[in-house]
Amino acid sequence: MVALAAADGRLDAHEVGLIQKVYREQTGRSVDVSGVLLAVQAYATTRDVLAEFSAAVGSMSRETKGEIIRAAYLTLLADKRIAEEERKTVKDMAAALRISDNEFQAIIEAIAPSSGEEG
C-alpha cells in the first residue's frame, strides 16, 4: 500500500487513513501519520517493492497475493485521482506476484461495487 501511495509522488489524507486502517486490521497495532509518511518516503526513494515481491512470491498463498493487490488498488482509489504511475505500479505489482490478467481483473471487479465505502 505504501509503495502505491508513493507511486504518484503525492500522499493524500485518504491514502494515509486507509493505510492506517488496514495496518490496524492486519496487525492489531496502530501506526501514526508520521509512521505512514516515513514508510511512503522509504519506498519512494530506496525500496523496490517489485523485487521484494519477486523474492517472496513462492512463499505467499494465493489469498495473500490477492489481498496485497486489493489493498494496493484501494490505495489507488483513495484520493479519487488515478495517476498513470499508480496504474502502472499496481499492474507491475500483480505481475511480480504472478497474478494473471484474469485474476487481476477479478480482484478489481470485486472491489468496484464497494470502493465508495472504503477509506
N, C-alpha and C. Protein backbone atom coordinates (compact mmCIF):
# COMPACT_ATOMS: atom_id res chain seq x y z
N MET A 1 0.83 -1.19 0.00
CA MET A 1 0.00 0.00 0.00
C MET A 1 0.87 1.25 0.00
N VAL A 2 1.93 1.23 0.81
CA VAL A 2 2.78 2.42 0.86
C VAL A 2 3.52 2.61 -0.45
N ALA A 3 3.89 1.51 -1.10
CA ALA A 3 4.57 1.63 -2.39
C ALA A 3 3.65 2.27 -3.41
N LEU A 4 2.39 1.91 -3.40
CA LEU A 4 1.45 2.50 -4.34
C LEU A 4 1.17 3.95 -3.98
N ALA A 5 1.06 4.25 -2.70
CA ALA A 5 0.85 5.64 -2.28
C ALA A 5 2.01 6.52 -2.72
N ALA A 6 3.21 5.94 -2.81
CA ALA A 6 4.40 6.69 -3.23
C ALA A 6 4.49 6.83 -4.74
N ALA A 7 3.75 6.02 -5.48
CA ALA A 7 3.91 5.94 -6.93
C ALA A 7 3.67 7.26 -7.66
N ASP A 8 2.70 8.04 -7.22
CA ASP A 8 2.41 9.29 -7.93
C ASP A 8 3.10 10.50 -7.31
N GLY A 9 3.89 10.26 -6.26
CA GLY A 9 4.63 11.37 -5.64
C GLY A 9 3.79 12.25 -4.75
N ARG A 10 2.53 11.87 -4.52
CA ARG A 10 1.63 12.65 -3.66
C ARG A 10 1.05 11.72 -2.62
N LEU A 11 0.92 12.22 -1.40
CA LEU A 11 0.30 11.43 -0.35
C LEU A 11 -0.94 12.18 0.12
N ASP A 12 -2.07 11.55 -0.05
CA ASP A 12 -3.36 12.12 0.27
C ASP A 12 -3.82 11.63 1.64
N ALA A 13 -4.59 12.44 2.33
CA ALA A 13 -5.10 12.06 3.66
C ALA A 13 -5.93 10.79 3.61
N HIS A 14 -6.67 10.57 2.53
CA HIS A 14 -7.48 9.35 2.39
C HIS A 14 -6.57 8.13 2.28
N GLU A 15 -5.44 8.27 1.55
CA GLU A 15 -4.49 7.18 1.45
C GLU A 15 -3.91 6.84 2.82
N VAL A 16 -3.53 7.87 3.56
CA VAL A 16 -2.98 7.67 4.90
C VAL A 16 -3.99 6.95 5.79
N GLY A 17 -5.22 7.41 5.78
CA GLY A 17 -6.27 6.79 6.59
C GLY A 17 -6.50 5.33 6.23
N LEU A 18 -6.50 5.03 4.94
CA LEU A 18 -6.70 3.66 4.50
C LEU A 18 -5.53 2.78 4.93
N ILE A 19 -4.32 3.28 4.78
CA ILE A 19 -3.14 2.52 5.21
C ILE A 19 -3.20 2.25 6.71
N GLN A 20 -3.56 3.27 7.48
CA GLN A 20 -3.67 3.09 8.93
C GLN A 20 -4.73 2.03 9.27
N LYS A 21 -5.87 2.10 8.60
CA LYS A 21 -6.96 1.16 8.87
C LYS A 21 -6.55 -0.27 8.56
N VAL A 22 -5.98 -0.50 7.40
CA VAL A 22 -5.59 -1.86 7.01
C VAL A 22 -4.46 -2.37 7.90
N TYR A 23 -3.51 -1.51 8.24
CA TYR A 23 -2.42 -1.92 9.13
C TYR A 23 -2.98 -2.37 10.48
N ARG A 24 -3.90 -1.60 11.01
CA ARG A 24 -4.52 -1.93 12.30
C ARG A 24 -5.28 -3.25 12.20
N GLU A 25 -6.02 -3.44 11.11
CA GLU A 25 -6.78 -4.68 10.93
C GLU A 25 -5.86 -5.89 10.82
N GLN A 26 -4.74 -5.73 10.14
CA GLN A 26 -3.84 -6.86 9.89
C GLN A 26 -2.92 -7.17 11.06
N THR A 27 -2.55 -6.16 11.84
CA THR A 27 -1.56 -6.37 12.90
C THR A 27 -2.11 -6.22 14.31
N GLY A 28 -3.25 -5.55 14.45
CA GLY A 28 -3.78 -5.27 15.77
C GLY A 28 -3.11 -4.08 16.43
N ARG A 29 -2.21 -3.42 15.71
CA ARG A 29 -1.50 -2.24 16.24
C ARG A 29 -1.82 -1.04 15.37
N SER A 30 -1.66 0.13 15.95
CA SER A 30 -1.90 1.34 15.17
C SER A 30 -0.57 1.93 14.71
N VAL A 31 -0.66 2.75 13.69
CA VAL A 31 0.50 3.48 13.18
C VAL A 31 0.06 4.92 13.00
N ASP A 32 0.91 5.85 13.44
CA ASP A 32 0.53 7.25 13.31
C ASP A 32 0.89 7.79 11.92
N VAL A 33 0.45 8.98 11.65
CA VAL A 33 0.66 9.59 10.34
C VAL A 33 2.14 9.66 9.99
N SER A 34 2.98 10.00 10.97
CA SER A 34 4.41 10.11 10.68
C SER A 34 5.00 8.75 10.29
N GLY A 35 4.49 7.68 10.88
CA GLY A 35 4.94 6.34 10.50
C GLY A 35 4.58 6.00 9.07
N VAL A 36 3.38 6.36 8.67
CA VAL A 36 2.96 6.14 7.29
C VAL A 36 3.82 6.97 6.35
N LEU A 37 4.03 8.23 6.70
CA LEU A 37 4.84 9.12 5.88
C LEU A 37 6.25 8.57 5.70
N LEU A 38 6.86 8.11 6.76
CA LEU A 38 8.22 7.56 6.68
C LEU A 38 8.26 6.33 5.78
N ALA A 39 7.26 5.47 5.89
CA ALA A 39 7.21 4.27 5.06
C ALA A 39 7.05 4.64 3.59
N VAL A 40 6.18 5.59 3.30
CA VAL A 40 5.97 6.03 1.92
C VAL A 40 7.26 6.64 1.36
N GLN A 41 7.92 7.47 2.15
CA GLN A 41 9.18 8.06 1.70
C GLN A 41 10.23 7.00 1.43
N ALA A 42 10.30 5.98 2.27
CA ALA A 42 11.27 4.90 2.07
C ALA A 42 11.04 4.20 0.74
N TYR A 43 9.79 3.89 0.44
CA TYR A 43 9.50 3.24 -0.83
C TYR A 43 9.73 4.17 -2.01
N ALA A 44 9.44 5.43 -1.83
CA ALA A 44 9.61 6.38 -2.93
C ALA A 44 11.08 6.58 -3.28
N THR A 45 11.96 6.42 -2.31
CA THR A 45 13.36 6.76 -2.56
C THR A 45 14.31 5.57 -2.60
N THR A 46 14.07 4.52 -1.84
CA THR A 46 15.10 3.49 -1.74
C THR A 46 14.64 2.06 -1.92
N ARG A 47 13.39 1.75 -1.75
CA ARG A 47 12.97 0.36 -1.77
C ARG A 47 12.36 -0.02 -3.10
N ASP A 48 12.49 -1.28 -3.42
CA ASP A 48 11.96 -1.81 -4.67
C ASP A 48 10.95 -2.90 -4.34
N VAL A 49 9.69 -2.52 -4.27
CA VAL A 49 8.63 -3.45 -3.89
C VAL A 49 8.52 -4.60 -4.88
N LEU A 50 8.77 -4.35 -6.15
CA LEU A 50 8.65 -5.42 -7.14
C LEU A 50 9.71 -6.49 -6.91
N ALA A 51 10.92 -6.08 -6.60
CA ALA A 51 11.97 -7.06 -6.29
C ALA A 51 11.63 -7.82 -5.01
N GLU A 52 11.08 -7.13 -4.03
CA GLU A 52 10.68 -7.79 -2.79
C GLU A 52 9.59 -8.83 -3.04
N PHE A 53 8.61 -8.48 -3.87
CA PHE A 53 7.55 -9.43 -4.20
C PHE A 53 8.11 -10.62 -4.96
N SER A 54 8.97 -10.36 -5.94
CA SER A 54 9.55 -11.45 -6.73
C SER A 54 10.32 -12.42 -5.85
N ALA A 55 11.01 -11.90 -4.84
CA ALA A 55 11.78 -12.75 -3.94
C ALA A 55 10.88 -13.57 -3.03
N ALA A 56 9.72 -13.04 -2.67
CA ALA A 56 8.86 -13.70 -1.69
C ALA A 56 7.67 -14.43 -2.29
N VAL A 57 7.46 -14.31 -3.58
CA VAL A 57 6.23 -14.80 -4.20
C VAL A 57 6.01 -16.30 -3.97
N GLY A 58 7.07 -17.08 -3.92
CA GLY A 58 6.92 -18.52 -3.73
C GLY A 58 6.36 -18.91 -2.38
N SER A 59 6.56 -18.05 -1.39
CA SER A 59 6.08 -18.38 -0.05
C SER A 59 4.72 -17.76 0.27
N MET A 60 4.11 -17.08 -0.69
CA MET A 60 2.81 -16.44 -0.47
C MET A 60 1.67 -17.29 -0.98
N SER A 61 0.59 -17.31 -0.23
CA SER A 61 -0.61 -18.00 -0.69
C SER A 61 -1.31 -17.15 -1.74
N ARG A 62 -2.17 -17.77 -2.47
CA ARG A 62 -2.98 -17.06 -3.47
C ARG A 62 -3.82 -15.97 -2.80
N GLU A 63 -4.34 -16.27 -1.60
CA GLU A 63 -5.15 -15.30 -0.86
C GLU A 63 -4.32 -14.08 -0.46
N THR A 64 -3.08 -14.33 -0.01
CA THR A 64 -2.21 -13.22 0.38
C THR A 64 -1.92 -12.33 -0.82
N LYS A 65 -1.61 -12.93 -1.94
CA LYS A 65 -1.34 -12.16 -3.15
C LYS A 65 -2.56 -11.32 -3.53
N GLY A 66 -3.73 -11.93 -3.45
CA GLY A 66 -4.97 -11.21 -3.77
C GLY A 66 -5.21 -10.05 -2.82
N GLU A 67 -4.95 -10.26 -1.54
CA GLU A 67 -5.13 -9.18 -0.55
C GLU A 67 -4.15 -8.04 -0.79
N ILE A 68 -2.93 -8.36 -1.19
CA ILE A 68 -1.95 -7.31 -1.49
C ILE A 68 -2.45 -6.44 -2.64
N ILE A 69 -2.92 -7.09 -3.70
CA ILE A 69 -3.42 -6.32 -4.85
C ILE A 69 -4.69 -5.56 -4.48
N ARG A 70 -5.56 -6.17 -3.71
CA ARG A 70 -6.79 -5.49 -3.28
C ARG A 70 -6.45 -4.24 -2.48
N ALA A 71 -5.54 -4.36 -1.52
CA ALA A 71 -5.15 -3.21 -0.70
C ALA A 71 -4.47 -2.14 -1.55
N ALA A 72 -3.63 -2.57 -2.47
CA ALA A 72 -2.96 -1.61 -3.35
C ALA A 72 -3.97 -0.86 -4.21
N TYR A 73 -4.94 -1.59 -4.76
CA TYR A 73 -5.94 -0.95 -5.62
C TYR A 73 -6.82 0.01 -4.82
N LEU A 74 -7.16 -0.37 -3.60
CA LEU A 74 -7.93 0.54 -2.75
C LEU A 74 -7.13 1.82 -2.47
N THR A 75 -5.83 1.68 -2.31
CA THR A 75 -4.97 2.84 -2.12
C THR A 75 -4.98 3.72 -3.37
N LEU A 76 -4.95 3.08 -4.53
CA LEU A 76 -5.02 3.80 -5.80
C LEU A 76 -6.31 4.62 -5.88
N LEU A 77 -7.40 4.07 -5.39
CA LEU A 77 -8.70 4.74 -5.46
C LEU A 77 -8.90 5.79 -4.36
N ALA A 78 -8.11 5.73 -3.30
CA ALA A 78 -8.37 6.53 -2.09
C ALA A 78 -8.44 8.03 -2.33
N ASP A 79 -7.56 8.56 -3.17
CA ASP A 79 -7.56 10.01 -3.37
C ASP A 79 -8.46 10.43 -4.53
N LYS A 80 -9.19 9.47 -5.09
CA LYS A 80 -10.14 9.73 -6.19
C LYS A 80 -9.46 10.34 -7.42
N ARG A 81 -8.16 10.11 -7.53
CA ARG A 81 -7.38 10.59 -8.66
C ARG A 81 -6.41 9.48 -9.04
N ILE A 82 -6.65 8.82 -10.15
CA ILE A 82 -5.81 7.70 -10.56
C ILE A 82 -4.74 8.21 -11.51
N ALA A 83 -3.51 8.26 -11.02
CA ALA A 83 -2.38 8.69 -11.83
C ALA A 83 -1.87 7.49 -12.64
N GLU A 84 -1.33 7.76 -13.81
CA GLU A 84 -0.79 6.70 -14.65
C GLU A 84 0.30 5.91 -13.92
N GLU A 85 1.11 6.61 -13.11
CA GLU A 85 2.16 5.93 -12.36
C GLU A 85 1.57 4.91 -11.38
N GLU A 86 0.44 5.26 -10.77
CA GLU A 86 -0.22 4.34 -9.84
C GLU A 86 -0.77 3.12 -10.59
N ARG A 87 -1.42 3.38 -11.71
CA ARG A 87 -1.99 2.30 -12.51
C ARG A 87 -0.88 1.33 -12.94
N LYS A 88 0.24 1.87 -13.41
CA LYS A 88 1.37 1.03 -13.82
C LYS A 88 1.94 0.28 -12.63
N THR A 89 2.07 0.92 -11.49
CA THR A 89 2.63 0.26 -10.31
C THR A 89 1.78 -0.91 -9.87
N VAL A 90 0.47 -0.75 -9.83
CA VAL A 90 -0.38 -1.85 -9.38
C VAL A 90 -0.36 -3.00 -10.38
N LYS A 91 -0.29 -2.71 -11.66
CA LYS A 91 -0.18 -3.77 -12.68
C LYS A 91 1.16 -4.48 -12.56
N ASP A 92 2.24 -3.71 -12.32
CA ASP A 92 3.57 -4.31 -12.14
C ASP A 92 3.62 -5.16 -10.88
N MET A 93 2.92 -4.72 -9.84
CA MET A 93 2.85 -5.50 -8.60
C MET A 93 2.17 -6.84 -8.86
N ALA A 94 1.09 -6.81 -9.60
CA ALA A 94 0.37 -8.05 -9.92
C ALA A 94 1.27 -8.99 -10.72
N ALA A 95 2.00 -8.45 -11.67
CA ALA A 95 2.90 -9.27 -12.47
C ALA A 95 4.01 -9.87 -11.59
N ALA A 96 4.57 -9.08 -10.69
CA ALA A 96 5.62 -9.57 -9.80
C ALA A 96 5.10 -10.67 -8.87
N LEU A 97 3.82 -10.59 -8.54
CA LEU A 97 3.19 -11.61 -7.69
C LEU A 97 2.68 -12.80 -8.49
N ARG A 98 2.91 -12.75 -9.80
CA ARG A 98 2.48 -13.81 -10.73
C ARG A 98 0.97 -13.99 -10.71
N ILE A 99 0.28 -12.86 -10.69
CA ILE A 99 -1.18 -12.85 -10.78
C ILE A 99 -1.53 -12.63 -12.24
N SER A 100 -2.30 -13.53 -12.80
CA SER A 100 -2.67 -13.43 -14.21
C SER A 100 -3.56 -12.20 -14.45
N ASP A 101 -3.65 -11.80 -15.70
CA ASP A 101 -4.54 -10.68 -16.05
C ASP A 101 -5.98 -10.97 -15.65
N ASN A 102 -6.42 -12.22 -15.85
CA ASN A 102 -7.78 -12.59 -15.48
C ASN A 102 -8.00 -12.49 -13.98
N GLU A 103 -7.03 -12.99 -13.19
CA GLU A 103 -7.14 -12.89 -11.74
C GLU A 103 -7.14 -11.43 -11.30
N PHE A 104 -6.28 -10.63 -11.92
CA PHE A 104 -6.20 -9.21 -11.60
C PHE A 104 -7.54 -8.54 -11.86
N GLN A 105 -8.12 -8.80 -13.01
CA GLN A 105 -9.42 -8.21 -13.36
C GLN A 105 -10.50 -8.64 -12.38
N ALA A 106 -10.47 -9.89 -11.95
CA ALA A 106 -11.47 -10.38 -10.99
C ALA A 106 -11.33 -9.65 -9.65
N ILE A 107 -10.11 -9.42 -9.22
CA ILE A 107 -9.88 -8.69 -7.96
C ILE A 107 -10.43 -7.28 -8.07
N ILE A 108 -10.12 -6.61 -9.18
CA ILE A 108 -10.55 -5.23 -9.41
C ILE A 108 -12.07 -5.16 -9.49
N GLU A 109 -12.67 -6.08 -10.22
CA GLU A 109 -14.12 -6.07 -10.37
C GLU A 109 -14.82 -6.33 -9.03
N ALA A 110 -14.22 -7.11 -8.17
CA ALA A 110 -14.81 -7.37 -6.86
C ALA A 110 -14.75 -6.13 -5.97
N ILE A 111 -13.78 -5.27 -6.21
CA ILE A 111 -13.63 -4.04 -5.43
C ILE A 111 -14.61 -2.97 -5.89
N ALA A 112 -14.81 -2.86 -7.17
CA ALA A 112 -15.57 -1.75 -7.75
C ALA A 112 -16.91 -1.44 -7.07
N PRO A 113 -17.76 -2.43 -6.80
CA PRO A 113 -19.06 -2.09 -6.19
C PRO A 113 -18.95 -1.49 -4.79
N SER A 114 -17.90 -1.83 -4.05
CA SER A 114 -17.80 -1.34 -2.68
C SER A 114 -16.76 -0.24 -2.50
N SER A 115 -16.08 0.17 -3.57
CA SER A 115 -14.96 1.11 -3.43
C SER A 115 -15.38 2.45 -2.82
N GLY A 116 -16.59 2.87 -3.02
CA GLY A 116 -17.05 4.12 -2.44
C GLY A 116 -17.22 4.05 -0.93
N GLU A 117 -17.31 2.84 -0.39
CA GLU A 117 -17.49 2.66 1.04
C GLU A 117 -16.17 2.57 1.80
N GLU A 118 -15.07 2.37 1.09
CA GLU A 118 -13.77 2.19 1.72
C GLU A 118 -13.17 3.53 2.09
N GLY A 119 -12.26 3.50 3.06
CA GLY A 119 -11.50 4.71 3.41
C GLY A 119 -11.94 5.27 4.63
